[in-house]
Amino acid sequence: MITTRFAPSPTGRLHVGNIRTALHNWMLARRSGGTFILRIDDTDAERSREDYVDAIRADLDWLGIAWDSEERQSARFDRYETAFAALKAAGRIYPCYESAQELDVKRKIALGRGLPPIYDRAALKLTEAERAAKEAEVIAPHWRFLLDHAEPIVWDDGIRGPQKFDAAQLSDPVIRRADGSWLYMMPSAVDDIDMGVTQVLRGEDHVSNTAVQIQIFTALFAAKFAATEGATKMLPAFAHEALLVGREGKLSKRLGSLGCDAFRERGIEPEAILSLLARLGTSEPVEPIVDRARLIESFDLATFGRAPAKFDEEDLNRLNAGIVHQLPFSAVATRLPPGMDEAGWHVIRPNLAHVGEAESWWRLVTGPIAQPSFADEDKAFLAEAARLLAWGDNPWGALTNALKDATGRKGKPLFLPLRQALTGMDHGPDMGELLPLIGEAEARARLEQAAG
């Protein structure tokens, strides 16, 4: 069974890139009948906030991305201590005493020499006496994972294909800060093992992290890290999707600020967001799809390309209109203006780009409307319309046919003055459906008013 996870840090609100990652992991799990885990990566006690945790849950709930279980890294520190001790006993982690400033100088020197800014493993060269001296100075160490340079790191990426890294070209990652707090690399691997995660799907900016974490996984397995029930003893399958870029083809800061609040304020439907993000960057057509089962059924990593996925807000607006035109009355009833029933929704819906626009269009029924000024010949025509108006199963068809016979008008000269008199607009809903909603008395009153 496939098990995926979405692991946001509660240090801010979800943005469009986070939403895409969550959606794809959810779809990957749902397509196989598997499990989707929400894992709150809240090891950073200073920056993590509970209101952000609540906001993450609320946003996923609004989008309809339901998780099967929730985990909190802050509740799992004992597991990280166990893993840390196992790796330490295996000689795979080591203490380092450089300050942030010293490390920054080392990076700049390496770059100045045209070398990659890789940690030089100076801490491994310290003698026991030198380490004792550091500790005597009360210099708390940070801890790095010792990468194995003997073998290349390889995996078959679900999107990028075969991957190969030379571990010697990577820095030994810091897994624990000097204050004892945890960084991302080791806790994430421990969680994936304990939670039985079988598929890790994330952005291509994590490719080098995956290379490092593969060695952490294998080191934990070799150290006989005590697994919990349901834990996996196999590496997850990894896949890295292309990052989102803006319309201009470059990484956009705006994409980092677009979140569910912004979408809600603009009247964007969750289904429109899902329709766009589900297939963005794939060979599948991006189209307005209300039925999420259709999206899930078509989800396939084999359709993902390597080119950057372009997020265009105009595409989102287009999709939103397409979604709104499909929404049944039951899905929007609580958001419609008072008095609008299912028939009213059916009439107004084709003219909407957002559900919130229904109120202004509904005024065509409830009034008042602002009529334009009419020429004398049109006033006479509208007076005849008021006289000929008769109610039945198809009052609009009956009226226009009677006026055509009585006046000889047809096409625009026939229909436009009637629409303007009855709605105050040159365009809008189908008049055959709208006129019965306006009602006979109100329709006659509007025609008589327009006729002067």
Protein backbone atom coordinates (compact mmCIF):
# COMPACT_ATOMS: atom_id res chain seq x y z
CA MET A 1 0.00 0.00 0.00
CA ILE A 2 1.27 3.46 -0.90
CA THR A 3 1.76 5.88 1.98
CA THR A 4 2.58 9.52 1.29
CA ARG A 5 2.99 12.55 3.50
CA PHE A 6 2.77 16.32 3.39
CA ALA A 7 5.12 17.90 5.90
CA PRO A 8 4.67 21.68 6.24
CA SER A 9 6.50 23.74 8.84
CA PRO A 10 4.03 25.89 10.81
CA THR A 11 6.13 29.03 10.40
CA GLY A 12 3.71 30.68 7.97
CA ARG A 13 0.65 30.16 5.82
CA LEU A 14 0.48 27.67 2.97
CA HIS A 15 1.27 29.17 -0.43
CA VAL A 16 0.54 27.86 -3.90
CA GLY A 17 3.71 25.75 -4.03
CA ASN A 18 2.86 24.05 -0.73
CA ILE A 19 -0.69 23.45 -1.90
CA ARG A 20 0.57 21.77 -5.08
CA THR A 21 2.85 19.46 -3.07
CA ALA A 22 0.03 18.54 -0.69
CA LEU A 23 -2.38 17.94 -3.56
CA HIS A 24 -0.03 15.68 -5.51
CA ASN A 25 0.82 13.57 -2.47
CA TRP A 26 -2.86 13.27 -1.62
CA MET A 27 -3.72 12.25 -5.18
CA LEU A 28 -0.85 9.75 -5.32
CA ALA A 29 -2.19 8.06 -2.18
CA ARG A 30 -5.86 8.21 -3.16
CA ARG A 31 -5.26 6.77 -6.63
CA SER A 32 -3.97 3.55 -5.06
CA GLY A 33 -6.32 3.50 -2.07
CA GLY A 34 -3.34 4.30 0.14
CA THR A 35 -2.70 6.53 3.12
CA PHE A 36 -2.01 10.27 3.19
CA ILE A 37 -0.33 11.64 6.34
CA LEU A 38 -0.25 15.27 7.47
CA ARG A 39 3.01 15.71 9.35
CA ILE A 40 3.54 19.01 11.11
CA ASP A 41 7.29 19.69 11.09
CA ASP A 42 7.37 21.88 14.18
CA THR A 43 10.87 21.19 15.54
CA ASP A 44 11.71 24.91 15.27
CA ALA A 45 10.17 25.99 18.55
CA GLU A 46 11.01 29.69 18.09
CA ARG A 47 9.34 30.08 14.69
CA SER A 48 6.54 27.50 14.88
CA ARG A 49 3.13 28.85 15.89
CA GLU A 50 -0.04 27.02 16.79
CA ASP A 51 -2.20 29.46 14.85
CA TYR A 52 -0.29 28.47 11.72
CA VAL A 53 -0.99 24.80 12.49
CA ASP A 54 -4.70 25.64 12.69
CA ALA A 55 -4.46 27.63 9.44
CA ILE A 56 -2.77 24.73 7.63
CA ARG A 57 -5.55 22.38 8.71
CA ALA A 58 -8.23 24.90 7.73
CA ASP A 59 -6.72 25.51 4.29
CA LEU A 60 -6.42 21.81 3.50
CA ASP A 61 -9.97 21.29 4.73
CA TRP A 62 -11.26 24.10 2.49
CA LEU A 63 -9.47 22.54 -0.47
CA GLY A 64 -10.94 19.14 0.33
CA ILE A 65 -7.53 17.54 0.83
CA ALA A 66 -8.36 15.14 3.66
CA TRP A 67 -5.58 13.46 5.62
CA ASP A 68 -5.85 10.02 7.17
CA SER A 69 -3.69 10.77 10.20
CA GLU A 70 -1.76 13.67 11.68
CA GLU A 71 1.66 13.59 13.30
CA ARG A 72 3.62 16.27 15.17
CA GLN A 73 7.39 16.24 15.18
CA SER A 74 7.37 18.09 18.49
CA ALA A 75 5.82 14.96 20.02
CA ARG A 76 8.51 12.68 18.66
CA PHE A 77 11.73 14.00 20.21
CA ASP A 78 12.31 10.69 22.00
CA ARG A 79 12.48 8.92 18.62
CA TYR A 80 15.03 11.42 17.36
CA GLU A 81 17.15 10.93 20.48
CA THR A 82 17.09 7.17 19.89
CA ALA A 83 18.13 7.60 16.26
CA PHE A 84 20.81 10.11 17.23
CA ALA A 85 22.28 7.69 19.77
CA ALA A 86 22.25 4.86 17.21
CA LEU A 87 24.06 6.94 14.60
CA LYS A 88 26.54 8.24 17.16
CA ALA A 89 27.36 4.71 18.31
CA ALA A 90 27.86 3.73 14.66
CA GLY A 91 30.33 6.58 14.14
CA ARG A 92 28.07 8.32 11.61
CA ILE A 93 27.71 11.64 13.41
CA TYR A 94 30.40 13.89 14.85
CA PRO A 95 30.59 17.11 16.86
CA CYS A 96 31.70 20.40 15.27
CA TYR A 97 32.69 23.57 17.08
CA GLU A 98 32.92 26.24 14.38
CA SER A 99 30.77 29.31 14.85
CA ALA A 100 28.42 30.52 12.15
CA GLN A 101 30.86 33.30 11.37
CA GLU A 102 33.76 30.85 10.97
CA LEU A 103 31.73 28.66 8.64
CA ASP A 104 30.75 31.71 6.58
CA VAL A 105 34.42 32.66 6.18
CA LYS A 106 35.24 29.12 5.04
CA ARG A 107 32.49 29.23 2.43
CA LYS A 108 33.69 32.56 1.08
CA ILE A 109 37.28 31.35 0.86
CA ALA A 110 36.21 28.23 -1.06
CA LEU A 111 34.11 30.28 -3.46
CA GLY A 112 36.96 32.73 -3.92
CA ARG A 113 39.18 29.85 -4.99
CA GLY A 114 36.57 28.61 -7.43
CA LEU A 115 35.75 25.59 -5.27
CA PRO A 116 32.34 24.35 -4.15
CA PRO A 117 31.48 25.60 -0.64
CA ILE A 118 31.67 22.15 0.95
CA TYR A 119 32.43 21.68 4.64
CA ASP A 120 36.10 20.67 4.99
CA ARG A 121 35.54 18.21 7.86
CA ALA A 122 37.99 20.13 10.02
CA ALA A 123 36.16 18.90 13.13
CA LEU A 124 37.19 15.33 12.33
CA LYS A 125 40.84 16.35 12.54
CA LEU A 126 40.57 17.63 16.11
CA THR A 127 42.48 15.66 18.71
CA GLU A 128 40.86 14.54 21.95
CA ALA A 129 42.79 17.29 23.71
CA GLU A 130 41.51 19.92 21.28
CA ARG A 131 37.95 18.73 21.74
CA ALA A 132 38.38 18.80 25.52
CA ALA A 133 39.68 22.34 25.24
CA LYS A 134 36.59 23.38 23.26
CA GLU A 135 34.34 21.84 25.86
CA ALA A 136 36.30 23.49 28.64
CA GLU A 137 35.54 26.79 26.95
CA VAL A 138 31.86 25.77 27.17
CA ILE A 139 31.55 25.71 23.40
CA ALA A 140 28.55 23.51 22.68
CA PRO A 141 28.99 21.56 19.44
CA HIS A 142 26.60 21.21 16.58
CA TRP A 143 26.44 17.76 15.04
CA ARG A 144 26.96 16.64 11.45
CA PHE A 145 26.12 13.40 9.70
CA LEU A 146 29.22 11.75 8.20
CA LEU A 147 28.57 11.03 4.53
CA ASP A 148 30.16 7.91 3.08
CA HIS A 149 32.34 8.97 0.15
CA ALA A 150 33.12 5.41 -0.95
CA GLU A 151 30.08 4.80 -3.12
CA PRO A 152 27.99 7.08 -5.35
CA ILE A 153 24.43 7.79 -4.23
CA VAL A 154 21.96 6.55 -6.82
CA TRP A 155 18.22 6.21 -7.15
CA ASP A 156 15.62 6.00 -9.88
CA ASP A 157 13.58 9.17 -9.56
CA GLY A 158 9.90 8.84 -10.37
CA ILE A 159 10.01 12.00 -12.51
CA ARG A 160 13.67 12.81 -13.23
CA GLY A 161 14.79 9.26 -13.98
CA PRO A 162 18.15 7.78 -12.86
CA GLN A 163 20.02 10.06 -10.43
CA LYS A 164 23.64 9.84 -9.32
CA PHE A 165 25.49 11.96 -6.74
CA ASP A 166 29.10 11.92 -5.62
CA ALA A 167 28.88 12.17 -1.84
CA ALA A 168 32.29 13.89 -1.77
CA GLN A 169 30.69 16.84 -3.55
CA LEU A 170 28.17 17.32 -0.73
CA SER A 171 28.67 18.85 2.69
CA ASP A 172 28.14 16.64 5.71
CA PRO A 173 24.75 18.00 6.79
CA VAL A 174 24.17 19.52 10.21
CA ILE A 175 21.45 17.44 11.84
CA ARG A 176 21.45 19.03 15.29
CA ARG A 177 22.16 22.57 16.41
CA ALA A 178 24.37 23.54 19.33
CA ASP A 179 21.27 24.28 21.43
CA GLY A 180 20.10 20.69 20.95
CA SER A 181 17.32 21.48 18.48
CA TRP A 182 16.85 19.37 15.35
CA LEU A 183 17.25 20.30 11.73
CA TYR A 184 15.26 18.78 8.91
CA MET A 185 17.41 15.94 7.59
CA MET A 186 17.44 13.23 10.27
CA PRO A 187 14.00 13.71 11.86
CA SER A 188 12.38 13.54 8.42
CA ALA A 189 14.09 10.22 7.68
CA VAL A 190 13.15 8.84 11.11
CA ASP A 191 9.52 9.85 10.56
CA ASP A 192 9.39 8.28 7.11
CA ILE A 193 10.71 5.03 8.56
CA ASP A 194 8.38 5.00 11.56
CA MET A 195 5.31 6.01 9.57
CA GLY A 196 5.89 3.56 6.75
CA VAL A 197 6.14 6.25 4.07
CA THR A 198 6.61 4.52 0.71
CA GLN A 199 6.58 7.53 -1.64
CA VAL A 200 8.27 10.90 -1.14
CA LEU A 201 7.06 13.38 -3.75
CA ARG A 202 8.42 16.92 -3.48
CA GLY A 203 9.99 19.80 -5.40
CA GLU A 204 13.22 19.49 -7.36
CA ASP A 205 14.90 21.87 -4.92
CA HIS A 206 15.07 18.84 -2.59
CA VAL A 207 17.08 16.63 -4.95
CA SER A 208 20.38 17.09 -3.09
CA ASN A 209 18.55 16.63 0.21
CA THR A 210 17.33 13.27 -1.06
CA ALA A 211 20.91 12.21 -1.82
CA VAL A 212 21.88 13.01 1.77
CA GLN A 213 18.78 11.41 3.27
CA ILE A 214 19.31 8.18 1.37
CA GLN A 215 22.56 7.78 3.27
CA ILE A 216 20.81 8.64 6.53
CA PHE A 217 18.17 6.00 5.81
CA THR A 218 20.77 3.32 5.08
CA ALA A 219 22.83 4.31 8.13
CA LEU A 220 19.78 4.00 10.37
CA PHE A 221 18.97 0.59 8.92
CA ALA A 222 22.59 -0.54 9.39
CA ALA A 223 22.62 0.75 12.97
CA LYS A 224 19.53 -1.38 13.65
CA PHE A 225 17.51 1.68 14.58
CA ALA A 226 14.58 0.32 16.58
CA ALA A 227 11.52 0.60 14.37
CA THR A 228 7.98 1.08 15.58
CA GLU A 229 5.06 -1.06 14.48
CA GLY A 230 4.29 -0.54 10.82
CA ALA A 231 7.70 0.97 10.11
CA THR A 232 9.37 0.35 6.80
CA LYS A 233 12.81 -1.18 6.37
CA MET A 234 13.04 -0.10 2.76
CA LEU A 235 13.88 3.22 1.18
CA PRO A 236 10.87 5.20 0.00
CA ALA A 237 10.55 5.81 -3.73
CA PHE A 238 11.53 9.41 -4.48
CA ALA A 239 10.14 11.76 -7.12
CA HIS A 240 10.97 15.44 -7.62
CA GLU A 241 8.67 17.65 -9.63
CA ALA A 242 9.64 20.85 -11.42
CA LEU A 243 9.09 24.02 -9.43
CA LEU A 244 6.38 26.54 -10.17
CA VAL A 245 7.37 29.69 -12.00
CA GLY A 246 5.39 32.80 -12.80
CA ARG A 247 3.91 33.85 -16.11
CA GLU A 248 7.14 35.62 -17.07
CA GLY A 249 9.04 32.34 -16.79
CA LYS A 250 11.01 33.25 -13.69
CA LEU A 251 10.58 32.30 -10.07
CA SER A 252 8.11 34.80 -8.70
CA LYS A 253 8.00 36.15 -5.18
CA ARG A 254 4.28 36.54 -5.68
CA LEU A 255 3.91 32.75 -5.84
CA GLY A 256 5.25 32.66 -2.30
CA SER A 257 2.44 34.91 -1.10
CA LEU A 258 -0.48 33.39 -2.98
CA GLY A 259 -2.39 31.29 -0.48
CA CYS A 260 -5.89 30.14 0.28
CA ASP A 261 -6.83 33.47 1.88
CA ALA A 262 -5.90 35.32 -1.30
CA PHE A 263 -7.82 32.83 -3.41
CA ARG A 264 -10.89 33.02 -1.20
CA GLU A 265 -10.86 36.84 -1.27
CA ARG A 266 -10.86 36.72 -5.07
CA GLY A 267 -13.76 34.27 -5.14
CA ILE A 268 -11.70 31.38 -6.51
CA GLU A 269 -13.34 28.00 -6.03
CA PRO A 270 -11.27 25.15 -4.48
CA GLU A 271 -12.07 23.01 -7.53
CA ALA A 272 -10.45 25.60 -9.80
CA ILE A 273 -7.24 25.56 -7.76
CA LEU A 274 -7.17 21.77 -7.78
CA SER A 275 -7.92 21.60 -11.51
CA LEU A 276 -4.96 23.86 -12.27
CA LEU A 277 -2.40 22.50 -9.81
CA ALA A 278 -3.28 18.84 -10.38
CA ARG A 279 -2.10 18.93 -13.99
CA LEU A 280 0.25 21.89 -14.12
CA GLY A 281 3.59 20.62 -15.42
CA THR A 282 2.11 17.42 -16.85
CA SER A 283 1.12 16.32 -20.34
CA GLU A 284 -2.53 16.12 -19.28
CA PRO A 285 -4.82 18.99 -20.40
CA VAL A 286 -5.61 21.62 -17.80
CA GLU A 287 -9.39 21.91 -17.77
CA PRO A 288 -12.14 22.76 -15.29
CA ILE A 289 -13.01 19.52 -13.53
CA VAL A 290 -15.47 19.46 -10.64
CA ASP A 291 -15.33 15.71 -10.11
CA ARG A 292 -12.13 15.10 -8.12
CA ALA A 293 -12.30 11.39 -8.86
CA ARG A 294 -11.52 12.27 -12.50
CA LEU A 295 -8.43 14.19 -11.44
CA ILE A 296 -7.27 11.38 -9.19
CA GLU A 297 -7.84 8.73 -11.84
CA SER A 298 -5.70 10.62 -14.36
CA PHE A 299 -2.83 11.34 -11.93
CA ASP A 300 0.36 9.63 -13.09
CA LEU A 301 3.97 10.59 -12.38
CA ALA A 302 4.82 9.40 -15.89
CA THR A 303 2.98 12.45 -17.27
CA PHE A 304 5.18 14.93 -15.40
CA GLY A 305 7.79 16.84 -17.39
CA ARG A 306 11.11 18.37 -16.44
CA ALA A 307 10.32 21.88 -17.69
CA PRO A 308 9.30 24.51 -15.10
CA ALA A 309 5.57 24.51 -14.43
CA LYS A 310 4.15 27.94 -15.31
CA PHE A 311 1.48 29.26 -12.96
CA ASP A 312 -0.67 31.87 -14.71
CA GLU A 313 -3.39 33.59 -12.70
CA GLU A 314 -5.34 34.19 -15.92
CA ASP A 315 -5.51 30.42 -16.36
CA LEU A 316 -6.87 30.17 -12.84
CA ASN A 317 -9.54 32.78 -13.58
CA ARG A 318 -10.55 30.95 -16.75
CA LEU A 319 -10.79 27.67 -14.90
CA ASN A 320 -12.78 29.28 -12.12
CA ALA A 321 -15.44 30.47 -14.55
CA GLY A 322 -15.58 26.98 -16.04
CA ILE A 323 -16.00 25.47 -12.57
CA VAL A 324 -18.72 27.95 -11.56
CA HIS A 325 -20.68 27.09 -14.71
CA GLN A 326 -20.77 23.46 -13.55
CA LEU A 327 -21.58 23.91 -9.87
CA PRO A 328 -24.99 22.59 -8.83
CA PHE A 329 -27.35 24.72 -6.78
CA SER A 330 -26.74 22.55 -3.71
CA ALA A 331 -23.04 23.45 -3.73
CA VAL A 332 -23.64 27.22 -3.68
CA ALA A 333 -27.07 27.70 -2.07
CA THR A 334 -25.69 29.21 1.14
CA ARG A 335 -23.66 31.77 -0.82
CA LEU A 336 -26.46 33.08 -3.03
CA PRO A 337 -28.54 36.24 -2.46
CA PRO A 338 -31.86 35.90 -0.66
CA GLY A 339 -34.64 34.66 -2.90
CA MET A 340 -32.45 33.05 -5.54
CA ASP A 341 -33.68 29.50 -5.98
CA GLU A 342 -32.42 26.67 -8.16
CA ALA A 343 -34.12 28.08 -11.26
CA GLY A 344 -32.52 31.45 -10.63
CA TRP A 345 -29.10 29.87 -10.22
CA HIS A 346 -29.54 27.95 -13.45
CA VAL A 347 -30.35 31.19 -15.32
CA ILE A 348 -27.61 33.35 -13.81
CA ARG A 349 -24.80 30.76 -13.60
CA PRO A 350 -23.57 30.94 -17.25
CA ASN A 351 -22.79 34.65 -16.81
CA LEU A 352 -20.63 34.29 -13.72
CA ALA A 353 -16.86 34.17 -13.36
CA HIS A 354 -17.25 34.00 -9.55
CA VAL A 355 -20.17 32.92 -7.40
CA GLY A 356 -20.04 36.28 -5.60
CA GLU A 357 -21.19 38.00 -8.80
CA ALA A 358 -24.60 36.31 -8.50
CA GLU A 359 -25.92 39.12 -6.30
CA SER A 360 -25.42 41.83 -8.93
CA TRP A 361 -26.90 39.65 -11.67
CA TRP A 362 -29.88 38.73 -9.46
CA ARG A 363 -30.83 42.41 -9.37
CA LEU A 364 -31.99 41.93 -12.95
CA VAL A 365 -34.81 39.92 -11.39
CA THR A 366 -35.44 41.79 -8.17
CA GLY A 367 -34.70 45.31 -9.46
CA PRO A 368 -34.44 48.17 -9.51
CA ILE A 369 -32.73 48.44 -12.87
CA ALA A 370 -31.38 51.50 -14.67
CA GLN A 371 -32.84 51.71 -18.17
CA PRO A 372 -31.10 53.60 -20.98
CA SER A 373 -32.78 56.37 -22.95
CA PHE A 374 -34.69 55.14 -25.96
CA ALA A 375 -35.39 56.77 -29.32
CA ASP A 376 -39.04 57.59 -30.06
CA GLU A 377 -39.38 54.70 -32.51
CA ASP A 378 -38.09 52.28 -29.86
CA LYS A 379 -40.45 53.76 -27.28
CA ALA A 380 -43.36 53.02 -29.58
CA PHE A 381 -42.01 49.52 -30.10
CA LEU A 382 -41.76 48.94 -26.33
CA ALA A 383 -45.28 50.28 -25.78
CA GLU A 384 -46.48 47.68 -28.27
CA ALA A 385 -44.46 45.06 -26.38
CA ALA A 386 -46.21 45.97 -23.12
CA ARG A 387 -49.56 45.63 -24.88
CA LEU A 388 -48.74 42.27 -26.48
CA LEU A 389 -47.08 40.72 -23.42
CA ALA A 390 -48.97 37.54 -22.57
CA TRP A 391 -48.05 34.97 -19.96
CA GLY A 392 -47.74 31.27 -20.57
CA ASP A 393 -45.19 28.48 -20.74
CA ASN A 394 -42.86 30.55 -22.96
CA PRO A 395 -43.62 34.26 -22.49
CA TRP A 396 -40.40 35.43 -24.18
CA GLY A 397 -40.95 33.33 -27.29
CA ALA A 398 -44.60 34.38 -27.47
CA LEU A 399 -43.69 38.07 -27.06
CA THR A 400 -40.93 38.16 -29.67
CA ASN A 401 -43.00 36.23 -32.21
CA ALA A 402 -45.96 38.55 -31.71
CA LEU A 403 -43.76 41.64 -32.04
CA LYS A 404 -42.10 40.28 -35.18
CA ASP A 405 -45.51 39.83 -36.78
CA ALA A 406 -46.81 43.20 -35.58
CA THR A 407 -43.76 45.38 -36.33
CA GLY A 408 -41.71 43.47 -38.88
CA ARG A 409 -38.64 43.82 -36.68
CA LYS A 410 -36.18 40.96 -36.38
CA GLY A 411 -32.65 40.33 -35.13
CA LYS A 412 -30.96 43.03 -33.07
CA PRO A 413 -33.66 45.74 -33.60
CA LEU A 414 -36.15 43.26 -32.18
CA PHE A 415 -34.24 41.78 -29.27
CA LEU A 416 -31.92 44.55 -28.02
CA PRO A 417 -34.54 47.15 -27.00
CA LEU A 418 -36.48 44.44 -25.19
CA ARG A 419 -33.39 43.28 -23.27
CA GLN A 420 -32.45 46.87 -22.41
CA ALA A 421 -35.94 47.68 -21.19
CA LEU A 422 -36.29 44.50 -19.15
CA THR A 423 -32.77 44.32 -17.67
CA GLY A 424 -31.03 47.65 -18.34
CA MET A 425 -28.22 45.76 -20.07
CA ASP A 426 -27.06 44.94 -23.61
CA HIS A 427 -26.13 41.38 -22.70
CA GLY A 428 -26.77 38.85 -19.97
CA PRO A 429 -28.72 35.71 -19.16
CA ASP A 430 -30.93 33.92 -21.63
CA MET A 431 -34.10 36.00 -21.77
CA GLY A 432 -36.26 32.93 -22.31
CA GLU A 433 -35.21 31.72 -18.85
CA LEU A 434 -34.92 35.14 -17.19
CA LEU A 435 -38.33 36.60 -18.11
CA PRO A 436 -40.36 34.04 -16.10
CA LEU A 437 -38.25 34.93 -13.05
CA ILE A 438 -38.97 38.65 -13.47
CA GLY A 439 -42.69 37.91 -13.60
CA GLU A 440 -45.53 39.26 -15.70
CA ALA A 441 -46.44 42.32 -13.63
CA GLU A 442 -42.86 43.53 -13.20
CA ALA A 443 -42.00 42.85 -16.85
CA ARG A 444 -45.01 44.88 -18.07
CA ALA A 445 -44.15 47.68 -15.67
CA ARG A 446 -40.57 47.87 -17.00
CA LEU A 447 -41.74 47.90 -20.62
CA GLU A 448 -44.26 50.64 -19.89
CA GLN A 449 -41.64 52.67 -18.01
CA ALA A 450 -39.21 52.38 -20.95
CA ALA A 451 -41.97 53.40 -23.37
CA GLY A 452 -42.42 56.62 -21.39
